[in-house]
Amino acid sequence: MIRRFGEPPRADQRYRLRPGAYALLPRGGRILLTSQYELNPDIQLPGGGIDPGESPRRALFREVHEETGWKIANPRRIGAFRRYVFMPEYDLWAEKICHIYVARAVLCLGEPIEKDHRAIWLPVQKAAQVLGNTGDQHFARLLARQV
């Protein structure tokens, strides 16, 4: 069973399953995050939806690059969580299954490709406080205990 974070599903709402892959990217006591600053400004773990026919690892590499501009290496899956949310950018109510990985940020290839995203580095402890959803916060706190 996958742990749920956030609001319970609404009985009056239908949700579309939306699996995704997200990365904890620690480096020197800090962690690489993405700040999405349009629609609903939010600080998030870099990552996103897994496209049809795409593996979670391939999606992770693609999404981290799109949202931060960084190339990553050695991803290792450490867990998953579920959350029920409205995604305004897609006009979609989603049951998100979030696969969480720890990886290394190895090379900045440039600015984020994805519109309205900015790469930011924060101390791991601070990240655990400011991440925009409780699932991301949970996994950042687990990482903070190891750093």
Protein backbone atom coordinates (compact mmCIF):
# COMPACT_ATOMS: atom_id res chain seq x y z
CA MET A 1 0.00 0.00 0.00
CA ILE A 2 1.27 3.46 -0.93
CA ARG A 3 1.07 6.14 1.75
CA ARG A 4 -1.17 9.12 0.99
CA PHE A 5 -0.20 12.70 1.73
CA GLY A 6 -2.42 15.75 1.47
CA GLU A 7 -6.17 15.91 1.14
CA PRO A 8 -8.24 12.72 0.86
CA PRO A 9 -9.99 12.16 -2.47
CA ARG A 10 -13.27 14.00 -2.87
CA ALA A 11 -16.26 11.69 -3.24
CA ASP A 12 -17.82 14.00 -5.84
CA GLN A 13 -14.73 14.09 -8.06
CA ARG A 14 -13.28 11.67 -10.63
CA TYR A 15 -9.49 11.46 -10.74
CA ARG A 16 -7.18 10.44 -13.56
CA LEU A 17 -4.18 8.31 -12.56
CA ARG A 18 -0.99 10.32 -13.12
CA PRO A 19 2.26 8.47 -12.26
CA GLY A 20 5.40 10.57 -11.95
CA ALA A 21 9.07 10.38 -10.99
CA TYR A 22 10.71 12.96 -8.70
CA ALA A 23 14.27 13.48 -7.48
CA LEU A 24 16.03 14.37 -4.26
CA LEU A 25 19.32 15.86 -5.52
CA PRO A 26 21.65 16.54 -2.56
CA ARG A 27 25.03 18.20 -3.01
CA GLY A 28 27.22 19.71 -0.30
CA GLY A 29 24.44 19.95 2.32
CA ARG A 30 22.03 21.56 -0.13
CA ILE A 31 19.38 20.14 -2.43
CA LEU A 32 18.43 21.11 -5.99
CA LEU A 33 14.76 22.06 -6.31
CA THR A 34 12.55 23.70 -8.89
CA SER A 35 10.46 26.78 -8.33
CA GLN A 36 7.39 26.95 -10.51
CA TYR A 37 6.39 30.60 -10.43
CA GLU A 38 3.30 30.87 -12.68
CA LEU A 39 -0.31 29.97 -11.85
CA ASN A 40 0.30 28.75 -8.28
CA PRO A 41 3.87 29.63 -7.21
CA ASP A 42 5.37 26.52 -5.63
CA ILE A 43 8.72 24.98 -4.68
CA GLN A 44 8.89 21.33 -5.71
CA LEU A 45 11.14 18.34 -6.08
CA PRO A 46 12.18 18.29 -9.73
CA GLY A 47 10.33 15.70 -11.74
CA GLY A 48 6.97 15.07 -13.28
CA GLY A 49 4.69 12.84 -15.24
CA ILE A 50 5.74 9.57 -16.81
CA ASP A 51 4.68 9.59 -20.46
CA PRO A 52 2.99 6.50 -21.99
CA GLY A 53 5.66 3.92 -22.85
CA GLU A 54 8.33 5.77 -20.85
CA SER A 55 10.10 4.18 -17.88
CA PRO A 56 10.11 6.01 -14.54
CA ARG A 57 13.91 6.42 -14.72
CA ARG A 58 13.78 7.86 -18.24
CA ALA A 59 11.03 10.27 -17.14
CA LEU A 60 13.17 11.29 -14.17
CA PHE A 61 16.18 12.18 -16.35
CA ARG A 62 13.95 14.10 -18.79
CA GLU A 63 11.89 15.96 -16.20
CA VAL A 64 14.86 17.01 -14.03
CA HIS A 65 16.59 18.42 -17.12
CA GLU A 66 13.44 20.23 -18.28
CA GLU A 67 12.74 21.78 -14.86
CA THR A 68 16.28 22.56 -13.64
CA GLY A 69 18.66 22.41 -16.60
CA TRP A 70 20.75 19.78 -14.79
CA LYS A 71 21.94 16.34 -15.89
CA ILE A 72 21.69 13.66 -13.19
CA ALA A 73 23.33 10.30 -12.51
CA ASN A 74 22.85 7.16 -10.41
CA PRO A 75 19.15 7.44 -9.50
CA ARG A 76 18.03 5.07 -6.76
CA ARG A 77 14.34 4.66 -5.94
CA ILE A 78 13.64 5.16 -2.24
CA GLY A 79 9.86 5.14 -2.08
CA ALA A 80 6.55 6.43 -3.36
CA PHE A 81 3.48 8.29 -2.21
CA ARG A 82 0.03 9.15 -3.48
CA ARG A 83 -1.79 12.48 -3.49
CA TYR A 84 -5.06 13.75 -4.91
CA VAL A 85 -4.82 17.20 -6.50
CA PHE A 86 -6.19 19.56 -9.09
CA MET A 87 -3.55 20.35 -11.72
CA PRO A 88 -4.59 23.76 -13.13
CA GLU A 89 -2.00 23.70 -15.93
CA TYR A 90 -3.79 20.63 -17.35
CA ASP A 91 -7.30 21.40 -16.03
CA LEU A 92 -7.14 17.92 -14.49
CA TRP A 93 -8.07 16.26 -11.21
CA ALA A 94 -5.30 13.71 -10.67
CA GLU A 95 -4.44 10.81 -8.43
CA LYS A 96 -0.68 11.31 -8.51
CA ILE A 97 1.55 8.33 -7.77
CA CYS A 98 4.91 9.94 -7.00
CA HIS A 99 7.97 7.67 -7.31
CA ILE A 100 10.83 9.25 -5.35
CA TYR A 101 14.51 8.80 -6.23
CA VAL A 102 17.80 10.01 -4.80
CA ALA A 103 20.31 10.92 -7.51
CA ARG A 104 23.37 13.07 -8.11
CA ALA A 105 23.18 16.39 -9.93
CA VAL A 106 26.33 16.15 -12.07
CA LEU A 107 26.28 18.90 -14.68
CA CYS A 108 24.33 22.08 -15.31
CA LEU A 109 23.51 22.09 -19.02
CA GLY A 110 21.83 25.50 -18.94
CA GLU A 111 18.62 27.17 -17.88
CA PRO A 112 15.43 25.14 -17.34
CA ILE A 113 13.67 24.27 -20.59
CA GLU A 114 10.21 24.13 -19.03
CA LYS A 115 8.38 27.45 -19.02
CA ASP A 116 8.02 29.23 -15.68
CA HIS A 117 10.55 27.06 -13.79
CA ARG A 118 13.69 28.15 -12.00
CA ALA A 119 16.36 25.91 -10.45
CA ILE A 120 17.20 26.73 -6.84
CA TRP A 121 19.59 25.26 -4.29
CA LEU A 122 18.49 25.27 -0.65
CA PRO A 123 19.90 23.73 2.53
CA VAL A 124 18.25 20.33 2.98
CA GLN A 125 16.66 21.32 6.32
CA LYS A 126 15.17 24.48 4.77
CA ALA A 127 13.87 22.50 1.77
CA ALA A 128 11.96 20.18 4.10
CA GLN A 129 10.12 23.24 5.42
CA VAL A 130 9.33 25.09 2.18
CA LEU A 131 8.45 22.34 -0.29
CA GLY A 132 4.92 22.80 -1.56
CA ASN A 133 3.44 19.43 -0.62
CA THR A 134 3.66 17.22 2.42
CA GLY A 135 4.87 14.17 0.48
CA ASP A 136 7.90 16.05 -0.86
CA GLN A 137 8.50 17.44 2.66
CA HIS A 138 8.41 13.93 4.14
CA PHE A 139 11.09 12.61 1.79
CA ALA A 140 13.24 15.75 2.23
CA ARG A 141 13.09 15.22 6.01
CA LEU A 142 14.24 11.61 5.53
CA LEU A 143 17.15 12.88 3.46
CA ALA A 144 17.99 15.57 6.05
CA ARG A 145 18.46 12.85 8.67
CA GLN A 146 21.14 11.24 6.47
CA VAL A 147 23.04 14.41 5.57
